[in-house]
Amino acid sequence: MVEIFEAANALSGMAKTIPLWGQLVDLGPHRFFSNDPRVNKM
């Protein structure tokens, strides 16, 4: 038997969309790429 516990209010783990900084952001096991060095520094 397997039991799964979700700490967040919604299911999906890291494969979901969340509101962040006034916009919707897709989370996932991928890296964020930008041509703006200020963004990459964050």
PDB file of N, CA and C in Angstrom:
ATOM      1  N   MET A   1       0.841  -1.182   0.000  1.00  0.00           N
ATOM      2  CA  MET A   1       0.000   0.000   0.000  1.00  0.00           C
ATOM      3  C   MET A   1       0.887   1.246   0.000  1.00  0.00           C
ATOM      4  N   VAL A   2       0.472   2.259  -0.747  1.00  0.00           N
ATOM      5  CA  VAL A   2       1.205   3.518  -0.836  1.00  0.00           C
ATOM      6  C   VAL A   2       0.320   4.638  -0.332  1.00  0.00           C
ATOM      7  N   GLU A   3       0.877   5.513   0.491  1.00  0.00           N
ATOM      8  CA  GLU A   3       0.169   6.706   0.952  1.00  0.00           C
ATOM      9  C   GLU A   3       0.916   7.925   0.462  1.00  0.00           C
ATOM     10  N   ILE A   4       0.186   8.896  -0.078  1.00  0.00           N
ATOM     11  CA  ILE A   4       0.777  10.136  -0.574  1.00  0.00           C
ATOM     12  C   ILE A   4       0.215  11.293   0.236  1.00  0.00           C
ATOM     13  N   PHE A   5       1.092  12.151   0.719  1.00  0.00           N
ATOM     14  CA  PHE A   5       0.692  13.319   1.505  1.00  0.00           C
ATOM     15  C   PHE A   5       1.107  14.577   0.754  1.00  0.00           C
ATOM     16  N   GLU A   6       0.179  15.514   0.594  1.00  0.00           N
ATOM     17  CA  GLU A   6       0.444  16.783  -0.092  1.00  0.00           C
ATOM     18  C   GLU A   6       0.445  17.891   0.937  1.00  0.00           C
ATOM     19  N   ALA A   7       1.528  18.642   1.018  1.00  0.00           N
ATOM     20  CA  ALA A   7       1.646  19.721   1.994  1.00  0.00           C
ATOM     21  C   ALA A   7       0.910  20.991   1.552  1.00  0.00           C
ATOM     22  N   ALA A   8       0.735  21.154   0.255  1.00  0.00           N
ATOM     23  CA  ALA A   8       0.082  22.356  -0.267  1.00  0.00           C
ATOM     24  C   ALA A   8      -1.438  22.200  -0.221  1.00  0.00           C
ATOM     25  N   ASN A   9      -2.145  23.301  -0.472  1.00  0.00           N
ATOM     26  CA  ASN A   9      -3.605  23.274  -0.496  1.00  0.00           C
ATOM     27  C   ASN A   9      -4.168  22.614  -1.749  1.00  0.00           C
ATOM     28  N   ALA A  10      -3.345  22.526  -2.798  1.00  0.00           N
ATOM     29  CA  ALA A  10      -3.798  21.942  -4.060  1.00  0.00           C
ATOM     30  C   ALA A  10      -2.848  20.826  -4.477  1.00  0.00           C
ATOM     31  N   LEU A  11      -3.395  19.831  -5.156  1.00  0.00           N
ATOM     32  CA  LEU A  11      -2.566  18.747  -5.669  1.00  0.00           C
ATOM     33  C   LEU A  11      -1.767  19.203  -6.869  1.00  0.00           C
ATOM     34  N   SER A  12      -0.740  18.475  -7.219  1.00  0.00           N
ATOM     35  CA  SER A  12       0.057  18.652  -8.435  1.00  0.00           C
ATOM     36  C   SER A  12       1.536  18.652  -8.156  1.00  0.00           C
ATOM     37  N   GLY A  13       1.957  18.817  -6.951  1.00  0.00           N
ATOM     38  CA  GLY A  13       3.392  18.865  -6.689  1.00  0.00           C
ATOM     39  C   GLY A  13       4.005  20.042  -7.400  1.00  0.00           C
ATOM     40  N   MET A  14       5.046  19.779  -8.187  1.00  0.00           N
ATOM     41  CA  MET A  14       5.717  20.873  -8.883  1.00  0.00           C
ATOM     42  C   MET A  14       5.162  21.128 -10.278  1.00  0.00           C
ATOM     43  N   ALA A  15       4.181  20.365 -10.714  1.00  0.00           N
ATOM     44  CA  ALA A  15       3.609  20.545 -12.048  1.00  0.00           C
ATOM     45  C   ALA A  15       2.311  21.325 -11.923  1.00  0.00           C
ATOM     46  N   LYS A  16       2.413  22.616 -11.643  1.00  0.00           N
ATOM     47  CA  LYS A  16       1.222  23.438 -11.490  1.00  0.00           C
ATOM     48  C   LYS A  16       1.526  24.895 -11.812  1.00  0.00           C
ATOM     49  N   THR A  17       0.489  25.687 -11.893  1.00  0.00           N
ATOM     50  CA  THR A  17       0.603  27.124 -12.138  1.00  0.00           C
ATOM     51  C   THR A  17       0.240  27.841 -10.853  1.00  0.00           C
ATOM     52  N   ILE A  18       1.088  28.813 -10.459  1.00  0.00           N
ATOM     53  CA  ILE A  18       0.835  29.571  -9.238  1.00  0.00           C
ATOM     54  C   ILE A  18       0.844  31.064  -9.538  1.00  0.00           C
ATOM     55  N   PRO A  19       0.107  31.864  -8.770  1.00  0.00           N
ATOM     56  CA  PRO A  19       0.196  33.318  -8.916  1.00  0.00           C
ATOM     57  C   PRO A  19       1.466  33.801  -8.224  1.00  0.00           C
ATOM     58  N   LEU A  20       2.258  34.603  -8.935  1.00  0.00           N
ATOM     59  CA  LEU A  20       3.521  35.106  -8.399  1.00  0.00           C
ATOM     60  C   LEU A  20       3.800  36.465  -9.016  1.00  0.00           C
ATOM     61  N   TRP A  21       4.032  37.456  -8.197  1.00  0.00           N
ATOM     62  CA  TRP A  21       4.368  38.805  -8.660  1.00  0.00           C
ATOM     63  C   TRP A  21       3.337  39.369  -9.635  1.00  0.00           C
ATOM     64  N   GLY A  22       2.055  39.091  -9.377  1.00  0.00           N
ATOM     65  CA  GLY A  22       0.993  39.636 -10.215  1.00  0.00           C
ATOM     66  C   GLY A  22       0.811  38.934 -11.544  1.00  0.00           C
ATOM     67  N   GLN A  23       1.406  37.763 -11.711  1.00  0.00           N
ATOM     68  CA  GLN A  23       1.229  37.008 -12.945  1.00  0.00           C
ATOM     69  C   GLN A  23       1.183  35.525 -12.619  1.00  0.00           C
ATOM     70  N   LEU A  24       0.804  34.703 -13.593  1.00  0.00           N
ATOM     71  CA  LEU A  24       0.754  33.264 -13.392  1.00  0.00           C
ATOM     72  C   LEU A  24       2.061  32.644 -13.865  1.00  0.00           C
ATOM     73  N   VAL A  25       2.637  31.793 -13.040  1.00  0.00           N
ATOM     74  CA  VAL A  25       3.927  31.177 -13.339  1.00  0.00           C
ATOM     75  C   VAL A  25       3.769  29.663 -13.285  1.00  0.00           C
ATOM     76  N   ASP A  26       4.271  28.975 -14.304  1.00  0.00           N
ATOM     77  CA  ASP A  26       4.244  27.515 -14.318  1.00  0.00           C
ATOM     78  C   ASP A  26       5.472  26.982 -13.600  1.00  0.00           C
ATOM     79  N   LEU A  27       5.233  26.158 -12.600  1.00  0.00           N
ATOM     80  CA  LEU A  27       6.326  25.482 -11.913  1.00  0.00           C
ATOM     81  C   LEU A  27       6.585  24.156 -12.605  1.00  0.00           C
ATOM     82  N   GLY A  28       7.758  23.648 -12.440  1.00  0.00           N
ATOM     83  CA  GLY A  28       8.077  22.340 -12.999  1.00  0.00           C
ATOM     84  C   GLY A  28       9.558  22.068 -12.860  1.00  0.00           C
ATOM     85  N   PRO A  29       9.966  20.896 -13.241  1.00  0.00           N
ATOM     86  CA  PRO A  29      11.370  20.526 -13.111  1.00  0.00           C
ATOM     87  C   PRO A  29      12.212  21.076 -14.258  1.00  0.00           C
ATOM     88  N   HIS A  30      11.985  22.311 -14.612  1.00  0.00           N
ATOM     89  CA  HIS A  30      12.747  22.933 -15.679  1.00  0.00           C
ATOM     90  C   HIS A  30      13.415  24.198 -15.144  1.00  0.00           C
ATOM     91  N   ARG A  31      14.373  24.693 -15.860  1.00  0.00           N
ATOM     92  CA  ARG A  31      15.107  25.895 -15.457  1.00  0.00           C
ATOM     93  C   ARG A  31      14.512  27.102 -16.162  1.00  0.00           C
ATOM     94  N   PHE A  32      14.516  28.234 -15.454  1.00  0.00           N
ATOM     95  CA  PHE A  32      14.022  29.479 -16.044  1.00  0.00           C
ATOM     96  C   PHE A  32      15.142  30.099 -16.864  1.00  0.00           C
ATOM     97  N   PHE A  33      14.875  30.411 -18.133  1.00  0.00           N
ATOM     98  CA  PHE A  33      15.867  31.027 -19.007  1.00  0.00           C
ATOM     99  C   PHE A  33      15.449  32.450 -19.338  1.00  0.00           C
ATOM    100  N   SER A  34      16.401  33.366 -19.289  1.00  0.00           N
ATOM    101  CA  SER A  34      16.130  34.757 -19.645  1.00  0.00           C
ATOM    102  C   SER A  34      17.378  35.350 -20.280  1.00  0.00           C
ATOM    103  N   ASN A  35      17.192  36.313 -21.168  1.00  0.00           N
ATOM    104  CA  ASN A  35      18.308  37.053 -21.730  1.00  0.00           C
ATOM    105  C   ASN A  35      18.666  38.275 -20.900  1.00  0.00           C
ATOM    106  N   ASP A  36      17.897  38.512 -19.842  1.00  0.00           N
ATOM    107  CA  ASP A  36      18.125  39.663 -18.987  1.00  0.00           C
ATOM    108  C   ASP A  36      19.008  39.258 -17.812  1.00  0.00           C
ATOM    109  N   PRO A  37      20.231  39.774 -17.726  1.00  0.00           N
ATOM    110  CA  PRO A  37      21.140  39.381 -16.636  1.00  0.00           C
ATOM    111  C   PRO A  37      20.592  39.703 -15.253  1.00  0.00           C
ATOM    112  N   ARG A  38      19.742  40.727 -15.140  1.00  0.00           N
ATOM    113  CA  ARG A  38      19.156  41.055 -13.838  1.00  0.00           C
ATOM    114  C   ARG A  38      18.238  39.934 -13.361  1.00  0.00           C
ATOM    115  N   VAL A  39      17.490  39.356 -14.300  1.00  0.00           N
ATOM    116  CA  VAL A  39      16.593  38.261 -13.943  1.00  0.00           C
ATOM    117  C   VAL A  39      17.403  37.009 -13.570  1.00  0.00           C
ATOM    118  N   ASN A  40      18.423  36.710 -14.357  1.00  0.00           N
ATOM    119  CA  ASN A  40      19.244  35.528 -14.090  1.00  0.00           C
ATOM    120  C   ASN A  40      19.994  35.647 -12.771  1.00  0.00           C
ATOM    121  N   LYS A  41      20.328  36.857 -12.374  1.00  0.00           N
ATOM    122  CA  LYS A  41      21.030  37.063 -11.101  1.00  0.00           C
ATOM    123  C   LYS A  41      20.139  36.724  -9.910  1.00  0.00           C
ATOM    124  N   MET A  42      18.815  36.956 -10.071  1.00  0.00           N
ATOM    125  CA  MET A  42      17.893  36.627  -8.988  1.00  0.00           C
ATOM    126  C   MET A  42      17.866  35.146  -8.754  1.00  0.00           C
TER     127      MET A  42
END
